[in-house]
Amino acid sequence: MDMTAASPLAIPGRRTSCPTCSLRGQCLPGRLDAAATLLLDAVIQRPAPLRRGQSLYRINQPARSLYVVRSGAVRTMVPDGEAGMQVTGFHLRGELAGLDALAGERHSAMADALERTSVCAIPLAALERLTTRMPELQVQLHRLLSREIALDHAHMRQMTVRTARGKLARFLYELATRYARAGMPPDEIQLPMSRADIASYLGLAVETASRQMRGLADDGIIDANHRSVRIIDRPRLAALAGETPVTDPLAYARLPA
């Protein structure tokens, strides 16, 4: 079932509003005042949670909304030219999905849930109306768009790393940064994606990605147990990722949104 093809369903007893949401600071309400936040909250739709594997939107589907991941994770994919699909992104708690449709008015990628996932759907038509009335909302939207562009740039940097070990290290480093930004422990990562998803995203064979994960664990840089990854030596991981070593446990949280 494609959730965008049907009317959003309310979640009985679990109404979450922008003024009380824990993600407000990193989402569209951002720095809006109370009155503006309520105007935005009035147009936001909160569909029933997606099941694992359920589609959020499909390729060539008309764009209706932007989506903010409230919980869970969303994977985006495009055809790889060989009757398969290439993973192009992972959208975590507090991040936007659906930006691919803004230019062409249709989605150029497909998105599905990696686990039980809740999203806020922001109708594009309503968002356009509000941004003309509230310049501060337009500023916040641009800020979030810049953040998503930065994530795309991070992926491009991952793809330019020459070694498979470096690619995986950079992926884990960027993921830890995003976890911290969402208010989650950056050194305790629960991977919502499979090894196959990671391999596709990094342009590696599945066996290579798994071998490199074991190698980082054998070297004492991480502790990996199925989809649970604990970062043990952040400075070494940062060095492998091509970053300045981070020694302050709070440094992740101070990185710009």
Protein backbone atom coordinates (compact mmCIF):
# COMPACT_ATOMS: atom_id res chain seq x y z
CA MET A 1 0.00 0.00 0.00
CA ASP A 2 1.31 3.44 -0.88
CA MET A 3 0.38 5.73 1.97
CA THR A 4 0.35 8.83 -0.24
CA ALA A 5 -2.43 7.36 -2.37
CA ALA A 6 -4.88 7.33 0.49
CA SER A 7 -6.16 9.79 3.05
CA PRO A 8 -3.91 9.95 6.11
CA LEU A 9 -5.23 8.01 9.05
CA ALA A 10 -5.17 9.48 12.52
CA ILE A 11 -3.41 7.56 15.27
CA PRO A 12 -5.95 7.30 18.11
CA GLY A 13 -4.60 8.56 21.41
CA ARG A 14 -1.20 9.44 19.96
CA ARG A 15 -1.69 12.89 18.55
CA THR A 16 1.67 14.64 18.37
CA SER A 17 1.68 18.38 17.80
CA CYS A 18 4.50 20.65 16.70
CA PRO A 19 4.54 22.71 19.94
CA THR A 20 5.16 19.60 22.05
CA CYS A 21 7.27 17.52 19.64
CA SER A 22 10.80 16.69 20.76
CA LEU A 23 12.03 17.26 17.19
CA ARG A 24 10.67 20.78 16.96
CA GLY A 25 14.10 22.43 17.19
CA GLN A 26 15.48 20.62 14.15
CA CYS A 27 12.28 20.54 12.10
CA LEU A 28 10.22 23.16 10.27
CA PRO A 29 8.87 24.88 13.40
CA GLY A 30 12.50 25.61 14.27
CA ARG A 31 12.63 29.21 15.41
CA LEU A 32 8.99 30.05 14.69
CA ASP A 33 7.03 31.79 17.40
CA ALA A 34 4.06 30.11 19.07
CA ALA A 35 1.42 31.57 16.72
CA ALA A 36 3.31 30.63 13.56
CA THR A 37 3.97 27.14 14.93
CA LEU A 38 0.26 26.59 15.44
CA LEU A 39 -0.48 27.69 11.85
CA LEU A 40 2.04 25.17 10.57
CA ASP A 41 0.76 22.47 12.89
CA ALA A 42 -2.76 22.93 11.51
CA VAL A 43 -1.73 21.83 7.99
CA ILE A 44 0.58 18.96 8.92
CA GLN A 45 -0.83 15.47 8.41
CA ARG A 46 0.24 12.55 10.60
CA PRO A 47 -0.54 9.28 8.79
CA ALA A 48 -0.64 5.88 10.42
CA PRO A 49 2.84 4.39 10.90
CA LEU A 50 4.44 2.59 7.99
CA ARG A 51 5.22 -1.08 8.34
CA ARG A 52 8.68 -2.36 7.43
CA GLY A 53 8.93 -2.45 3.63
CA GLN A 54 5.83 -0.30 3.11
CA SER A 55 6.15 2.39 0.44
CA LEU A 56 6.19 6.06 1.35
CA TYR A 57 6.23 7.10 -2.33
CA ARG A 58 7.11 5.55 -5.67
CA ILE A 59 9.09 6.60 -8.73
CA ASN A 60 7.19 8.96 -11.03
CA GLN A 61 4.43 9.47 -8.49
CA PRO A 62 3.17 13.06 -8.33
CA ALA A 63 4.62 14.96 -5.41
CA ARG A 64 2.06 15.87 -2.78
CA SER A 65 4.05 16.35 0.41
CA LEU A 66 7.39 16.67 2.09
CA TYR A 67 7.92 14.16 4.87
CA VAL A 68 9.67 14.47 8.20
CA VAL A 69 10.71 11.18 9.80
CA ARG A 70 9.35 11.26 13.34
CA SER A 71 10.56 7.77 14.30
CA GLY A 72 12.12 4.87 12.45
CA ALA A 73 13.98 5.23 9.15
CA VAL A 74 13.27 5.58 5.43
CA ARG A 75 15.38 4.24 2.56
CA THR A 76 15.43 5.82 -0.92
CA MET A 77 16.35 3.90 -4.07
CA VAL A 78 16.57 4.33 -7.84
CA PRO A 79 16.84 1.72 -10.64
CA ASP A 80 20.47 0.71 -11.22
CA GLY A 81 20.07 -0.16 -14.91
CA GLU A 82 20.43 -3.91 -14.30
CA ALA A 83 16.89 -4.71 -13.18
CA GLY A 84 17.93 -3.95 -9.62
CA MET A 85 17.77 -0.99 -7.27
CA GLN A 86 20.55 1.27 -5.99
CA VAL A 87 20.22 2.66 -2.47
CA THR A 88 20.70 6.42 -2.61
CA GLY A 89 19.94 7.53 0.91
CA PHE A 90 18.74 6.85 4.43
CA HIS A 91 16.47 9.32 6.21
CA LEU A 92 16.59 9.14 9.98
CA ARG A 93 14.68 10.73 12.84
CA GLY A 94 14.15 14.45 12.24
CA GLU A 95 15.25 14.36 8.59
CA LEU A 96 13.31 15.25 5.42
CA ALA A 97 12.27 12.85 2.67
CA GLY A 98 10.64 13.64 -0.66
CA LEU A 99 12.91 16.49 -1.76
CA ASP A 100 13.62 14.71 -5.06
CA ALA A 101 10.21 15.79 -6.37
CA LEU A 102 10.51 19.52 -5.76
CA ALA A 103 12.02 20.36 -9.15
CA GLY A 104 10.12 18.02 -11.46
CA GLU A 105 6.89 17.71 -9.43
CA ARG A 106 7.24 13.92 -9.57
CA HIS A 107 9.38 11.61 -7.51
CA SER A 108 12.56 10.44 -9.21
CA ALA A 109 13.21 7.87 -6.49
CA MET A 110 11.18 5.45 -4.41
CA ALA A 111 11.11 5.44 -0.63
CA ASP A 112 10.13 2.72 1.82
CA ALA A 113 10.32 2.09 5.55
CA LEU A 114 13.28 0.14 6.94
CA GLU A 115 11.36 -0.53 10.14
CA ARG A 116 8.13 0.63 11.72
CA THR A 117 8.26 4.33 10.85
CA SER A 118 6.13 7.38 11.62
CA VAL A 119 6.26 10.50 9.49
CA CYS A 120 4.73 13.94 9.40
CA ALA A 121 3.43 14.81 5.93
CA ILE A 122 3.55 18.49 4.99
CA PRO A 123 1.36 19.16 1.92
CA LEU A 124 3.38 21.14 -0.62
CA ALA A 125 0.49 23.41 -1.58
CA ALA A 126 -0.13 24.37 2.05
CA LEU A 127 3.59 24.83 2.65
CA GLU A 128 3.85 27.20 -0.31
CA ARG A 129 0.95 29.27 1.01
CA LEU A 130 2.45 29.50 4.48
CA THR A 131 5.93 30.46 3.31
CA THR A 132 4.48 33.45 1.43
CA ARG A 133 2.82 34.62 4.66
CA MET A 134 5.67 33.74 7.03
CA PRO A 135 9.16 34.69 5.80
CA GLU A 136 10.64 33.06 8.91
CA LEU A 137 9.19 29.71 7.78
CA GLN A 138 10.82 30.16 4.38
CA VAL A 139 14.15 30.81 6.11
CA GLN A 140 13.76 27.64 8.16
CA LEU A 141 12.82 25.62 5.08
CA HIS A 142 15.95 26.85 3.31
CA ARG A 143 17.97 25.88 6.36
CA LEU A 144 16.59 22.35 6.27
CA LEU A 145 17.15 22.09 2.52
CA SER A 146 20.76 23.11 3.08
CA ARG A 147 21.11 20.38 5.67
CA GLU A 148 19.81 17.78 3.22
CA ILE A 149 22.20 19.04 0.53
CA ALA A 150 25.01 18.64 3.05
CA LEU A 151 23.97 15.00 3.51
CA ASP A 152 24.17 14.49 -0.26
CA HIS A 153 27.64 16.04 -0.25
CA ALA A 154 28.63 13.71 2.57
CA HIS A 155 27.56 10.77 0.43
CA MET A 156 29.62 12.07 -2.47
CA ARG A 157 32.64 12.29 -0.16
CA GLN A 158 32.05 8.70 0.89
CA MET A 159 32.06 7.61 -2.74
CA THR A 160 35.38 9.37 -3.42
CA VAL A 161 37.17 7.51 -0.61
CA ARG A 162 39.42 5.00 -2.32
CA THR A 163 39.36 2.10 0.14
CA ALA A 164 36.39 0.04 1.23
CA ARG A 165 37.55 0.43 4.83
CA GLY A 166 37.57 4.21 4.49
CA LYS A 167 34.11 4.23 2.88
CA LEU A 168 32.61 2.24 5.74
CA ALA A 169 34.42 4.32 8.37
CA ARG A 170 33.11 7.52 6.81
CA PHE A 171 29.58 6.08 6.66
CA LEU A 172 29.64 5.20 10.38
CA TYR A 173 31.17 8.57 11.28
CA GLU A 174 28.48 10.49 9.36
CA LEU A 175 25.78 8.28 10.86
CA ALA A 176 27.02 8.99 14.38
CA THR A 177 26.91 12.71 13.62
CA ARG A 178 23.31 12.46 12.44
CA TYR A 179 22.36 10.40 15.51
CA ALA A 180 23.72 13.14 17.77
CA ARG A 181 21.86 15.79 15.81
CA ALA A 182 18.62 13.88 16.41
CA GLY A 183 19.30 13.71 20.14
CA MET A 184 20.37 10.06 20.16
CA PRO A 185 23.63 8.63 21.61
CA PRO A 186 26.22 8.94 18.81
CA ASP A 187 28.38 6.06 20.05
CA GLU A 188 25.54 3.53 20.27
CA ILE A 189 24.14 3.07 16.77
CA GLN A 190 21.24 0.77 15.99
CA LEU A 191 21.47 0.27 12.25
CA PRO A 192 18.00 0.23 10.67
CA MET A 193 19.51 -0.84 7.36
CA SER A 194 20.94 -4.21 6.36
CA ARG A 195 24.51 -4.94 5.30
CA ALA A 196 23.17 -5.23 1.74
CA ASP A 197 21.68 -1.73 1.99
CA ILE A 198 24.98 -0.33 3.28
CA ALA A 199 26.90 -2.07 0.52
CA SER A 200 24.57 -0.72 -2.17
CA TYR A 201 24.77 2.79 -0.74
CA LEU A 202 28.59 2.70 -0.70
CA GLY A 203 29.02 0.94 -4.04
CA LEU A 204 30.54 -2.17 -2.44
CA ALA A 205 29.86 -5.88 -2.61
CA VAL A 206 27.93 -7.19 0.38
CA GLU A 207 30.79 -9.51 1.29
CA THR A 208 33.22 -6.58 1.21
CA ALA A 209 31.04 -4.42 3.47
CA SER A 210 30.63 -7.29 5.95
CA ARG A 211 34.36 -8.04 5.91
CA GLN A 212 35.26 -4.41 6.54
CA MET A 213 32.76 -4.22 9.42
CA ARG A 214 34.44 -7.25 10.99
CA GLY A 215 37.85 -5.69 10.37
CA LEU A 216 36.92 -2.48 12.22
CA ALA A 217 35.66 -4.64 15.08
CA ASP A 218 38.81 -6.81 15.11
CA ASP A 219 40.92 -3.65 15.32
CA GLY A 220 39.01 -2.42 18.36
CA ILE A 221 37.51 0.62 16.61
CA ILE A 222 33.92 -0.58 16.90
CA ASP A 223 31.97 -3.39 18.50
CA ALA A 224 29.52 -4.80 15.96
CA ASN A 225 26.77 -7.24 16.86
CA HIS A 226 24.33 -7.77 13.99
CA ARG A 227 22.72 -4.30 13.60
CA SER A 228 24.09 -2.87 16.81
CA VAL A 229 27.33 -0.89 16.46
CA ARG A 230 29.17 0.68 19.39
CA ILE A 231 31.95 3.10 18.54
CA ILE A 232 34.87 2.34 20.84
CA ASP A 233 37.65 4.48 19.37
CA ARG A 234 36.19 7.64 17.83
CA PRO A 235 39.53 9.32 17.05
CA ARG A 236 40.65 6.34 14.96
CA LEU A 237 37.28 6.11 13.23
CA ALA A 238 37.46 9.85 12.46
CA ALA A 239 40.97 9.47 11.09
CA LEU A 240 39.89 6.60 8.83
CA ALA A 241 36.94 8.73 7.70
CA GLY A 242 39.30 11.57 6.79
CA GLU A 243 38.13 13.80 9.62
CA THR A 244 39.98 15.56 12.41
CA PRO A 245 39.90 13.16 15.37
CA VAL A 246 37.10 13.94 17.81
CA THR A 247 37.93 13.39 21.47
CA ASP A 248 35.16 15.36 23.20
CA PRO A 249 32.05 13.16 23.68
CA LEU A 250 29.84 16.23 23.13
CA ALA A 251 31.58 17.35 19.96
CA TYR A 252 29.08 15.53 17.72
CA ALA A 253 26.17 17.44 19.21
CA ARG A 254 27.89 20.77 18.54
CA LEU A 255 28.25 20.15 14.83
CA PRO A 256 26.03 22.51 12.80
CA ALA A 257 22.57 21.30 11.72
